[in-house]
Amino acid sequence: PYVIVCNHQASLDLLGMVEVIPERCVPIAKKELLYMGTVGWACWLSGIIFINRHRREDAIDVISRTATALRRDNVR
């Protein structure tokens, strides 16, 4: 298992990253992307995990639950 950290500058960078990211990899994005019209719908439908960066505890909880599911299901 591994983590890829991408510091993209615009929402459209996500489209380029999709081509580079390996299969079976699920990106984690800021929750604000969810409310960006067509981009938000596309992200939601593709299974991106959204975190609220303004609420630290909520973000930690989402990432912890994701890590637990990865370990439980033995996903790489």
C-alpha atoms as a PDB file:
ATOM      1  CA  PRO A   1       0.000   0.000   0.000  1.00  0.00           C
ATOM      2  CA  TYR A   2       1.106   3.553  -0.610  1.00  0.00           C
ATOM      3  CA  VAL A   3      -0.096   7.133  -0.494  1.00  0.00           C
ATOM      4  CA  ILE A   4       0.303   9.629  -3.317  1.00  0.00           C
ATOM      5  CA  VAL A   5       0.215  13.256  -2.243  1.00  0.00           C
ATOM      6  CA  CYS A   6      -0.547  15.748  -5.001  1.00  0.00           C
ATOM      7  CA  ASN A   7      -0.473  19.472  -4.441  1.00  0.00           C
ATOM      8  CA  HIS A   8      -2.447  20.594  -7.440  1.00  0.00           C
ATOM      9  CA  GLN A   9      -3.141  24.248  -8.108  1.00  0.00           C
ATOM     10  CA  ALA A  10      -6.486  24.045  -9.930  1.00  0.00           C
ATOM     11  CA  SER A  11      -9.495  21.751 -10.064  1.00  0.00           C
ATOM     12  CA  LEU A  12      -8.667  20.780 -13.631  1.00  0.00           C
ATOM     13  CA  ASP A  13      -5.374  19.278 -12.478  1.00  0.00           C
ATOM     14  CA  LEU A  14      -7.428  16.387 -11.140  1.00  0.00           C
ATOM     15  CA  LEU A  15      -8.177  15.331 -14.712  1.00  0.00           C
ATOM     16  CA  GLY A  16      -4.455  15.023 -15.452  1.00  0.00           C
ATOM     17  CA  MET A  17      -3.780  13.162 -12.245  1.00  0.00           C
ATOM     18  CA  VAL A  18      -6.402  10.551 -13.154  1.00  0.00           C
ATOM     19  CA  GLU A  19      -4.193   9.494 -16.057  1.00  0.00           C
ATOM     20  CA  VAL A  20      -1.131   9.076 -13.817  1.00  0.00           C
ATOM     21  CA  ILE A  21      -2.674   7.474 -10.728  1.00  0.00           C
ATOM     22  CA  PRO A  22      -2.553   3.656 -10.729  1.00  0.00           C
ATOM     23  CA  GLU A  23      -5.700   1.531 -10.950  1.00  0.00           C
ATOM     24  CA  ARG A  24      -7.562   0.753  -7.706  1.00  0.00           C
ATOM     25  CA  CYS A  25      -6.400   4.048  -6.243  1.00  0.00           C
ATOM     26  CA  VAL A  26      -9.034   6.309  -4.710  1.00  0.00           C
ATOM     27  CA  PRO A  27      -8.210   9.988  -4.347  1.00  0.00           C
ATOM     28  CA  ILE A  28      -9.123  12.067  -1.318  1.00  0.00           C
ATOM     29  CA  ALA A  29     -10.215  15.609  -2.124  1.00  0.00           C
ATOM     30  CA  LYS A  30     -11.368  18.667  -0.241  1.00  0.00           C
ATOM     31  CA  LYS A  31     -15.107  18.817   0.285  1.00  0.00           C
ATOM     32  CA  GLU A  32     -15.356  22.143  -1.547  1.00  0.00           C
ATOM     33  CA  LEU A  33     -14.882  20.294  -4.872  1.00  0.00           C
ATOM     34  CA  LEU A  34     -18.187  18.553  -4.272  1.00  0.00           C
ATOM     35  CA  TYR A  35     -20.030  21.847  -4.751  1.00  0.00           C
ATOM     36  CA  MET A  36     -18.374  22.830  -8.061  1.00  0.00           C
ATOM     37  CA  GLY A  37     -21.172  21.837 -10.444  1.00  0.00           C
ATOM     38  CA  THR A  38     -20.159  19.332 -13.092  1.00  0.00           C
ATOM     39  CA  VAL A  39     -16.728  18.765 -11.529  1.00  0.00           C
ATOM     40  CA  GLY A  40     -18.375  17.907  -8.207  1.00  0.00           C
ATOM     41  CA  TRP A  41     -20.776  15.455  -9.805  1.00  0.00           C
ATOM     42  CA  ALA A  42     -17.956  13.766 -11.719  1.00  0.00           C
ATOM     43  CA  CYS A  43     -15.845  13.482  -8.569  1.00  0.00           C
ATOM     44  CA  TRP A  44     -18.754  12.090  -6.556  1.00  0.00           C
ATOM     45  CA  LEU A  45     -19.668   9.539  -9.226  1.00  0.00           C
ATOM     46  CA  SER A  46     -16.061   8.376  -9.564  1.00  0.00           C
ATOM     47  CA  GLY A  47     -15.859   7.533  -5.854  1.00  0.00           C
ATOM     48  CA  ILE A  48     -13.583  10.265  -4.564  1.00  0.00           C
ATOM     49  CA  ILE A  49     -13.497  10.493  -0.768  1.00  0.00           C
ATOM     50  CA  PHE A  50     -14.204  14.029   0.404  1.00  0.00           C
ATOM     51  CA  ILE A  51     -12.767  15.516   3.591  1.00  0.00           C
ATOM     52  CA  ASN A  52     -13.676  18.737   5.347  1.00  0.00           C
ATOM     53  CA  ARG A  53     -10.389  20.579   5.790  1.00  0.00           C
ATOM     54  CA  HIS A  54     -11.978  23.194   8.050  1.00  0.00           C
ATOM     55  CA  ARG A  55     -12.965  20.616  10.672  1.00  0.00           C
ATOM     56  CA  ARG A  56      -9.835  18.760  11.660  1.00  0.00           C
ATOM     57  CA  GLU A  57     -11.635  16.071  13.694  1.00  0.00           C
ATOM     58  CA  ASP A  58     -14.003  15.237  10.835  1.00  0.00           C
ATOM     59  CA  ALA A  59     -11.111  14.968   8.369  1.00  0.00           C
ATOM     60  CA  ILE A  60      -9.175  12.675  10.711  1.00  0.00           C
ATOM     61  CA  ASP A  61     -12.290  10.532  11.221  1.00  0.00           C
ATOM     62  CA  VAL A  62     -12.877  10.098   7.468  1.00  0.00           C
ATOM     63  CA  ILE A  63      -9.239   9.212   6.816  1.00  0.00           C
ATOM     64  CA  SER A  64      -9.181   6.795   9.779  1.00  0.00           C
ATOM     65  CA  ARG A  65     -12.315   5.010   8.573  1.00  0.00           C
ATOM     66  CA  THR A  66     -10.842   4.761   5.078  1.00  0.00           C
ATOM     67  CA  ALA A  67      -7.578   3.303   6.412  1.00  0.00           C
ATOM     68  CA  THR A  68      -9.507   0.783   8.525  1.00  0.00           C
ATOM     69  CA  ALA A  69     -11.532  -0.322   5.500  1.00  0.00           C
ATOM     70  CA  LEU A  70      -8.344  -0.691   3.423  1.00  0.00           C
ATOM     71  CA  ARG A  71      -6.745  -2.901   6.075  1.00  0.00           C
ATOM     72  CA  ARG A  72      -9.930  -4.915   6.687  1.00  0.00           C
ATOM     73  CA  ASP A  73     -10.476  -5.624   2.982  1.00  0.00           C
ATOM     74  CA  ASN A  74      -6.749  -6.116   2.324  1.00  0.00           C
ATOM     75  CA  VAL A  75      -6.829  -3.563  -0.492  1.00  0.00           C
ATOM     76  CA  ARG A  76      -3.585  -2.305  -1.960  1.00  0.00           C
END
